[in-house]
Amino acid sequence: MESPIENRVDGNDVAGERSQRKTEPAKGKRYSPAQRKEILEYAQKHSVKAAAEKLGATETSIYDWRRAIGRRGQQAGEGENADRPGEIVIEDPKQARDQKVVSMWRQHPGYGPSQIRNMLKRDGFKVSVGTVRDVMERNGYLPPSLRRKEHVGRYEAARPRELYHLDFYHFHVHKQKQCVLFIEDDFSRFIAGWAVVAVEAADPVITCFEQAVQRYGRPEGVMSDRGSAFHSWRGLSRFEALLEEYEINYFLAKEAAVNGKVEALNASFQKECIEQIEFMDLPDAARGIGHWVEHYNHRRTHHGLGGLLVPADRFYGIAEQSLRRIEQGLGAQTAELSSPDGRALELFRVLSRGGKPEVWLMGEKILG
């Protein structure tokens, strides 16, 4: 039989244990590295909330594990992941967004925040202009001070090849003066032709223009300034005679603003190509300008086209397809949309017209 003293001792011990349980914090559930990996992979495929409900971990713990992995990755670099191939790396969405913005800006340092936003959206990544500007400013971007000029006599074509603009831009390659001739479509801002020459002259203008006609077709009209390579004060110039032979309307721009679209093209070329690249020699300059023209036509979004389209979208008539893909978040690659590989050609067709059958083969009626 137990004594009262023993009972009191046992009772005090039980009460002490209860008070100790109340004062000590409860210990959370321990997870092995394999369990953490399973939970993080499930959260990545579905959501943090779904992983917490299905696998028992708290949402706070899952977010803490993600941040810890992100910090280890930043401190140790890419090599740590190679040492631990079993460890999953969860990328911070804000950090990934900032990297996309900075990467696009580094590729195109002449672009502003709006242009960077449009380029990213065209590739299927949506972000606001304000966020892009904030990220760029934190990485050294200095907004330019703009001087706006009011344009007068602005003309807007209604279709491709309705009006071409021609103009020269002067630049230097190691103190050697050069000129680049641009032929720009008014409706789409597509560069239909270009050439690098030593001086403004009629011969390269005629050669470049004829190459553009052979490649893209004859325009309805052409506009240029009163430069000697285009215009003659006495009689017809050689270029004007060529246009007359082609039966192409010729317009002279009395003010620079009237020919403003090609002037804006020259400004973009200066900011995005000439000021960003130091050419080694003339062949290198021709290669560099060719790469820039290709990018300008097929990759560079244009504010004058609504911000999301590139010149090739309008020039090739695929603007609606591109916008539809962009709004769906699929991205729009003009080269793929304009490729003939994806087009369907109707070879055989059977119709009933007025109760009589008709058979068509490759667009020609062969029966009926």
Protein backbone atom coordinates (compact mmCIF):
# COMPACT_ATOMS: atom_id res chain seq x y z
CA MET A 1 0.00 0.00 0.00
CA GLU A 2 1.40 3.37 -1.06
CA SER A 3 2.08 5.99 1.55
CA PRO A 4 0.57 9.53 1.42
CA ILE A 5 4.08 10.94 0.92
CA GLU A 6 4.63 8.78 -2.14
CA ASN A 7 1.25 9.88 -3.47
CA ARG A 8 2.16 13.53 -2.98
CA VAL A 9 5.46 13.10 -4.74
CA ASP A 10 3.81 11.39 -7.69
CA GLY A 11 1.13 14.09 -7.82
CA ASN A 12 3.74 16.88 -7.81
CA ASP A 13 5.66 15.15 -10.59
CA VAL A 14 2.56 14.91 -12.79
CA ALA A 15 1.68 18.56 -12.18
CA GLY A 16 5.25 19.59 -13.02
CA GLU A 17 5.15 17.66 -16.27
CA ARG A 18 1.86 19.35 -17.21
CA SER A 19 3.26 22.85 -16.47
CA GLN A 20 6.40 22.03 -18.47
CA ARG A 21 4.27 20.95 -21.44
CA LYS A 22 2.47 24.28 -21.32
CA THR A 23 5.61 26.46 -21.18
CA GLU A 24 7.73 24.60 -23.81
CA PRO A 25 6.81 25.29 -27.49
CA ALA A 26 5.43 22.39 -29.46
CA LYS A 27 7.92 20.89 -31.87
CA GLY A 28 6.88 20.82 -35.56
CA LYS A 29 6.92 17.76 -37.73
CA ARG A 30 10.31 16.81 -39.13
CA TYR A 31 10.65 16.14 -42.87
CA SER A 32 13.45 14.25 -44.53
CA PRO A 33 15.13 15.68 -47.67
CA ALA A 34 13.25 13.14 -49.79
CA GLN A 35 9.91 14.23 -48.28
CA ARG A 36 10.72 17.91 -48.83
CA LYS A 37 11.63 17.20 -52.43
CA GLU A 38 8.34 15.36 -52.98
CA ILE A 39 6.32 18.21 -51.45
CA LEU A 40 8.17 20.89 -53.44
CA GLU A 41 7.75 18.99 -56.69
CA TYR A 42 4.03 18.59 -56.04
CA ALA A 43 3.73 22.31 -55.22
CA GLN A 44 5.55 23.22 -58.41
CA LYS A 45 3.24 21.09 -60.56
CA HIS A 46 0.01 22.11 -58.82
CA SER A 47 0.12 24.80 -56.11
CA VAL A 48 1.44 25.43 -52.62
CA LYS A 49 -2.06 25.19 -51.16
CA ALA A 50 -2.73 21.86 -52.90
CA ALA A 51 0.59 20.45 -51.67
CA ALA A 52 -0.13 21.56 -48.11
CA GLU A 53 -3.58 19.94 -48.12
CA LYS A 54 -2.50 16.68 -49.74
CA LEU A 55 0.88 16.06 -48.10
CA GLY A 56 0.35 17.61 -44.67
CA ALA A 57 3.02 20.34 -44.66
CA THR A 58 2.07 23.95 -43.88
CA GLU A 59 2.09 26.57 -46.61
CA THR A 60 4.57 28.64 -44.55
CA SER A 61 7.02 25.74 -44.45
CA ILE A 62 6.82 25.21 -48.21
CA TYR A 63 7.52 28.90 -48.90
CA ASP A 64 10.42 28.83 -46.38
CA TRP A 65 11.94 25.81 -48.15
CA ARG A 66 11.65 27.58 -51.50
CA ARG A 67 13.39 30.72 -50.20
CA ALA A 68 16.14 28.68 -48.56
CA ILE A 69 16.83 26.83 -51.81
CA GLY A 70 16.86 30.12 -53.73
CA ARG A 71 19.36 31.66 -51.27
CA ARG A 72 21.65 28.64 -51.47
CA GLY A 73 21.55 28.80 -55.24
CA GLN A 74 22.49 32.51 -55.26
CA GLN A 75 25.34 32.06 -52.77
CA ALA A 76 26.86 28.93 -54.22
CA GLY A 77 26.17 29.53 -57.91
CA GLU A 78 25.18 27.02 -60.51
CA GLY A 79 27.82 24.54 -59.46
CA GLU A 80 25.97 23.57 -56.28
CA ASN A 81 23.06 22.11 -58.20
CA ALA A 82 25.46 19.89 -60.16
CA ASP A 83 26.92 18.60 -56.87
CA ARG A 84 23.42 17.81 -55.55
CA PRO A 85 21.41 16.63 -58.55
CA GLY A 86 18.59 15.33 -56.38
CA GLU A 87 17.77 18.77 -54.99
CA ILE A 88 14.99 20.67 -56.74
CA VAL A 89 15.55 24.38 -57.41
CA ILE A 90 12.46 26.60 -57.20
CA GLU A 91 12.91 29.92 -58.96
CA ASP A 92 11.61 33.09 -57.32
CA PRO A 93 8.98 34.54 -59.73
CA LYS A 94 10.08 38.14 -59.11
CA GLN A 95 13.71 37.27 -59.60
CA ALA A 96 12.90 35.39 -62.83
CA ARG A 97 10.86 38.37 -64.06
CA ASP A 98 13.68 40.81 -63.33
CA GLN A 99 16.17 38.55 -65.11
CA LYS A 100 13.95 38.45 -68.21
CA VAL A 101 13.65 42.25 -68.25
CA VAL A 102 17.37 42.85 -67.74
CA SER A 103 18.32 40.17 -70.28
CA MET A 104 16.09 41.72 -72.96
CA TRP A 105 17.43 45.19 -72.14
CA ARG A 106 21.05 43.98 -72.32
CA GLN A 107 20.35 42.50 -75.75
CA HIS A 108 18.78 45.79 -76.93
CA PRO A 109 20.28 48.63 -74.85
CA GLY A 110 18.78 51.27 -77.16
CA TYR A 111 15.21 50.30 -76.19
CA GLY A 112 13.10 52.05 -73.57
CA PRO A 113 10.78 50.45 -70.96
CA SER A 114 7.73 50.41 -73.24
CA GLN A 115 9.67 48.75 -76.05
CA ILE A 116 11.12 46.14 -73.67
CA ARG A 117 7.62 45.39 -72.31
CA ASN A 118 6.28 44.92 -75.84
CA MET A 119 9.17 42.64 -76.84
CA LEU A 120 8.58 40.46 -73.76
CA LYS A 121 4.82 40.32 -74.33
CA ARG A 122 5.39 39.31 -77.94
CA ASP A 123 7.48 36.39 -76.64
CA GLY A 124 4.60 35.35 -74.37
CA PHE A 125 5.70 37.02 -71.09
CA LYS A 126 3.38 39.69 -69.68
CA VAL A 127 4.63 42.48 -67.41
CA SER A 128 3.62 46.12 -66.90
CA VAL A 129 5.57 49.09 -68.26
CA GLY A 130 5.94 50.50 -64.73
CA THR A 131 7.54 47.28 -63.49
CA VAL A 132 9.90 47.17 -66.46
CA ARG A 133 10.91 50.79 -65.89
CA ASP A 134 11.52 50.13 -62.18
CA VAL A 135 13.69 47.07 -62.90
CA MET A 136 15.67 48.93 -65.57
CA GLU A 137 16.25 51.96 -63.32
CA ARG A 138 17.48 49.69 -60.52
CA ASN A 139 19.98 48.29 -63.02
CA GLY A 140 21.30 51.63 -64.28
CA TYR A 141 18.74 52.87 -66.82
CA LEU A 142 18.60 56.67 -67.16
CA PRO A 143 15.41 58.00 -68.81
CA PRO A 144 16.25 60.34 -71.71
CA SER A 145 15.05 63.92 -71.85
CA LEU A 146 12.77 64.08 -74.87
CA ARG A 147 12.18 67.04 -77.17
CA ARG A 148 8.94 66.51 -79.00
CA LYS A 149 8.22 68.08 -82.38
CA GLU A 150 4.78 68.45 -83.85
CA HIS A 151 4.48 66.57 -87.14
CA VAL A 152 2.71 68.31 -90.00
CA GLY A 153 1.47 66.83 -93.27
CA ARG A 154 1.46 63.27 -91.90
CA TYR A 155 0.46 60.62 -94.43
CA GLU A 156 -0.78 57.11 -93.64
CA ALA A 157 -0.91 54.42 -96.33
CA ALA A 158 -3.80 51.95 -96.32
CA ARG A 159 -1.99 48.84 -97.62
CA PRO A 160 1.51 47.44 -98.23
CA ARG A 161 3.46 48.92 -101.17
CA GLU A 162 1.11 51.87 -101.52
CA LEU A 163 3.99 54.24 -100.69
CA TYR A 164 7.73 53.74 -100.20
CA HIS A 165 9.95 56.27 -98.41
CA LEU A 166 13.61 56.67 -99.42
CA ASP A 167 16.34 58.46 -97.51
CA PHE A 168 20.08 58.36 -96.71
CA TYR A 169 21.65 58.24 -93.26
CA HIS A 170 25.30 59.31 -92.81
CA PHE A 171 27.67 57.63 -90.35
CA HIS A 172 31.38 56.92 -89.91
CA VAL A 173 33.44 53.73 -89.76
CA HIS A 174 36.75 54.70 -88.13
CA LYS A 175 36.55 58.28 -89.48
CA GLN A 176 35.57 57.03 -92.93
CA LYS A 177 32.26 58.58 -93.97
CA GLN A 178 29.58 56.21 -95.29
CA CYS A 179 25.90 56.41 -96.20
CA VAL A 180 23.17 53.85 -95.77
CA LEU A 181 20.10 54.04 -98.01
CA PHE A 182 16.79 52.82 -96.59
CA ILE A 183 13.63 52.00 -98.56
CA GLU A 184 10.74 51.82 -96.08
CA ASP A 185 7.12 50.81 -96.66
CA ASP A 186 4.79 53.45 -95.23
CA PHE A 187 1.96 51.11 -94.17
CA SER A 188 4.05 48.50 -92.35
CA ARG A 189 7.39 50.30 -91.69
CA PHE A 190 9.00 47.27 -93.34
CA ILE A 191 12.49 47.92 -94.78
CA ALA A 192 12.10 46.67 -98.35
CA GLY A 193 15.66 47.58 -99.35
CA TRP A 194 18.91 49.00 -98.04
CA ALA A 195 22.47 49.60 -99.21
CA VAL A 196 25.74 50.94 -97.77
CA VAL A 197 27.55 53.34 -100.13
CA ALA A 198 30.37 55.87 -99.94
CA VAL A 199 28.37 58.84 -101.24
CA GLU A 200 24.81 59.71 -102.18
CA ALA A 201 24.49 58.81 -105.86
CA ALA A 202 21.86 57.72 -108.36
CA ASP A 203 23.45 54.35 -109.26
CA PRO A 204 23.07 52.67 -105.82
CA VAL A 205 19.57 54.15 -105.46
CA ILE A 206 18.48 52.63 -108.79
CA THR A 207 20.15 49.27 -108.04
CA CYS A 208 18.68 49.02 -104.55
CA PHE A 209 15.21 50.08 -105.70
CA GLU A 210 15.14 47.56 -108.56
CA GLN A 211 16.18 44.78 -106.19
CA ALA A 212 13.30 45.73 -103.87
CA VAL A 213 10.86 45.64 -106.81
CA GLN A 214 12.12 42.23 -107.91
CA ARG A 215 11.79 40.84 -104.41
CA TYR A 216 8.54 42.39 -103.16
CA GLY A 217 6.77 43.84 -106.19
CA ARG A 218 6.22 47.31 -107.63
CA PRO A 219 5.02 50.03 -105.23
CA GLU A 220 2.29 52.46 -106.23
CA GLY A 221 4.19 55.54 -105.09
CA VAL A 222 7.60 56.71 -103.86
CA MET A 223 8.49 59.66 -101.64
CA SER A 224 11.93 61.20 -101.04
CA ASP A 225 13.52 64.50 -100.17
CA ARG A 226 15.18 66.75 -102.74
CA GLY A 227 18.55 65.02 -102.53
CA SER A 228 20.58 64.96 -105.74
CA ALA A 229 20.49 61.15 -105.87
CA PHE A 230 16.69 61.28 -106.21
CA HIS A 231 15.73 64.61 -107.73
CA SER A 232 17.05 66.92 -110.45
CA TRP A 233 16.37 70.65 -110.64
CA ARG A 234 16.61 70.51 -114.43
CA GLY A 235 14.56 67.90 -116.24
CA LEU A 236 14.11 64.34 -115.05
CA SER A 237 16.74 62.67 -112.91
CA ARG A 238 17.75 59.08 -113.67
CA PHE A 239 15.75 57.84 -110.69
CA GLU A 240 12.67 59.83 -111.74
CA ALA A 241 12.98 58.40 -115.25
CA LEU A 242 13.06 54.88 -113.76
CA LEU A 243 9.89 55.58 -111.76
CA GLU A 244 8.21 56.92 -114.89
CA GLU A 245 9.17 53.74 -116.72
CA TYR A 246 7.63 51.66 -113.93
CA GLU A 247 4.56 53.97 -113.91
CA ILE A 248 5.12 54.76 -110.22
CA ASN A 249 3.91 58.04 -108.71
CA TYR A 250 6.69 60.23 -107.30
CA PHE A 251 6.23 62.63 -104.37
CA LEU A 252 8.77 65.18 -103.15
CA ALA A 253 8.78 65.96 -99.42
CA LYS A 254 9.14 69.72 -98.99
CA GLU A 255 9.55 69.34 -95.21
CA ALA A 256 11.29 66.61 -93.21
CA ALA A 257 8.10 65.93 -91.22
CA VAL A 258 6.26 64.87 -94.38
CA ASN A 259 8.88 62.15 -94.89
CA GLY A 260 8.93 61.65 -91.13
CA LYS A 261 8.61 57.86 -91.00
CA VAL A 262 11.94 57.27 -92.67
CA GLU A 263 13.42 60.05 -90.51
CA ALA A 264 12.18 58.12 -87.46
CA LEU A 265 13.74 54.98 -88.94
CA ASN A 266 17.07 56.80 -89.22
CA ALA A 267 16.81 57.85 -85.57
CA SER A 268 16.11 54.27 -84.46
CA PHE A 269 19.00 53.01 -86.57
CA GLN A 270 21.35 55.52 -84.96
CA LYS A 271 20.24 54.72 -81.39
CA GLU A 272 19.97 50.93 -81.72
CA CYS A 273 22.76 50.10 -84.15
CA ILE A 274 25.32 52.87 -84.76
CA GLU A 275 25.60 53.91 -81.09
CA GLN A 276 25.72 50.32 -79.84
CA ILE A 277 28.18 48.67 -82.24
CA GLU A 278 31.74 49.65 -83.18
CA PHE A 279 32.34 48.26 -86.66
CA MET A 280 35.82 46.96 -87.46
CA ASP A 281 35.67 47.75 -91.17
CA LEU A 282 33.22 48.24 -94.04
CA PRO A 283 32.38 44.51 -94.51
CA ASP A 284 31.74 44.26 -90.78
CA ALA A 285 29.48 47.32 -91.00
CA ALA A 286 27.49 45.74 -93.84
CA ARG A 287 27.06 42.52 -91.84
CA GLY A 288 26.02 44.39 -88.70
CA ILE A 289 23.51 46.57 -90.54
CA GLY A 290 22.09 43.50 -92.26
CA HIS A 291 21.52 41.80 -88.89
CA TRP A 292 19.86 44.95 -87.55
CA VAL A 293 17.54 45.24 -90.57
CA GLU A 294 16.52 41.59 -90.20
CA HIS A 295 15.78 42.14 -86.50
CA TYR A 296 13.92 45.40 -87.22
CA ASN A 297 11.65 43.76 -89.80
CA HIS A 298 10.86 40.50 -88.01
CA ARG A 299 11.53 40.88 -84.27
CA ARG A 300 11.44 44.52 -83.17
CA THR A 301 8.02 45.73 -82.02
CA HIS A 302 6.97 49.14 -83.35
CA HIS A 303 5.02 51.85 -81.49
CA GLY A 304 3.59 53.09 -84.78
CA LEU A 305 1.96 49.66 -85.29
CA GLY A 306 0.22 49.57 -81.91
CA GLY A 307 3.21 48.47 -79.84
CA LEU A 308 3.01 44.68 -80.27
CA LEU A 309 3.34 44.16 -84.01
CA VAL A 310 6.56 44.05 -86.01
CA PRO A 311 6.78 45.46 -89.56
CA ALA A 312 6.67 42.00 -91.17
CA ASP A 313 3.29 41.30 -89.54
CA ARG A 314 1.67 44.08 -91.53
CA PHE A 315 3.77 43.72 -94.66
CA TYR A 316 2.91 40.00 -95.02
CA GLY A 317 -0.71 40.41 -93.86
CA ILE A 318 -0.49 38.29 -90.70
CA ALA A 319 -1.19 40.99 -88.11
CA GLU A 320 -4.42 39.39 -86.86
CA GLN A 321 -2.77 36.00 -86.42
CA SER A 322 0.10 37.54 -84.47
CA LEU A 323 -2.18 39.54 -82.16
CA ARG A 324 -4.33 36.48 -81.49
CA ARG A 325 -1.31 34.43 -80.45
CA ILE A 326 0.08 37.24 -78.30
CA GLU A 327 -3.21 37.68 -76.40
CA GLN A 328 -3.34 33.92 -75.83
CA GLY A 329 0.15 34.08 -74.31
CA LEU A 330 1.61 31.84 -77.00
CA GLY A 331 4.08 34.34 -78.43
CA ALA A 332 4.28 35.36 -82.06
CA GLN A 333 7.19 34.35 -84.25
CA THR A 334 6.65 36.09 -87.59
CA ALA A 335 9.00 33.75 -89.46
CA GLU A 336 6.86 30.76 -88.48
CA LEU A 337 3.54 32.46 -89.28
CA SER A 338 4.73 33.70 -92.68
CA SER A 339 6.41 30.43 -93.67
CA PRO A 340 4.71 28.60 -96.57
CA ASP A 341 5.28 25.29 -94.78
CA GLY A 342 2.25 25.85 -92.57
CA ARG A 343 -0.13 26.95 -95.31
CA ALA A 344 -2.80 24.74 -96.86
CA LEU A 345 -3.35 24.58 -100.61
CA GLU A 346 -6.73 23.45 -101.90
CA LEU A 347 -6.07 21.07 -104.81
CA PHE A 348 -9.48 19.53 -105.50
CA ARG A 349 -12.95 21.05 -105.11
CA VAL A 350 -16.50 19.90 -106.01
CA LEU A 351 -19.41 22.40 -106.12
CA SER A 352 -23.08 22.35 -106.99
CA ARG A 353 -24.08 25.56 -108.75
CA GLY A 354 -27.74 25.86 -109.78
CA GLY A 355 -28.17 22.11 -109.40
CA LYS A 356 -25.29 21.38 -111.77
CA PRO A 357 -22.03 19.87 -110.50
CA GLU A 358 -18.69 21.60 -110.99
CA VAL A 359 -15.23 20.10 -110.50
CA TRP A 360 -12.21 22.35 -109.90
CA LEU A 361 -8.55 21.27 -109.91
CA MET A 362 -5.92 23.65 -108.54
CA GLY A 363 -8.20 26.64 -109.04
CA GLU A 364 -9.26 25.77 -112.59
CA LYS A 365 -12.67 24.38 -113.52
CA ILE A 366 -12.29 21.09 -115.38
CA LEU A 367 -15.95 19.94 -115.41
CA GLY A 368 -19.33 21.73 -115.43
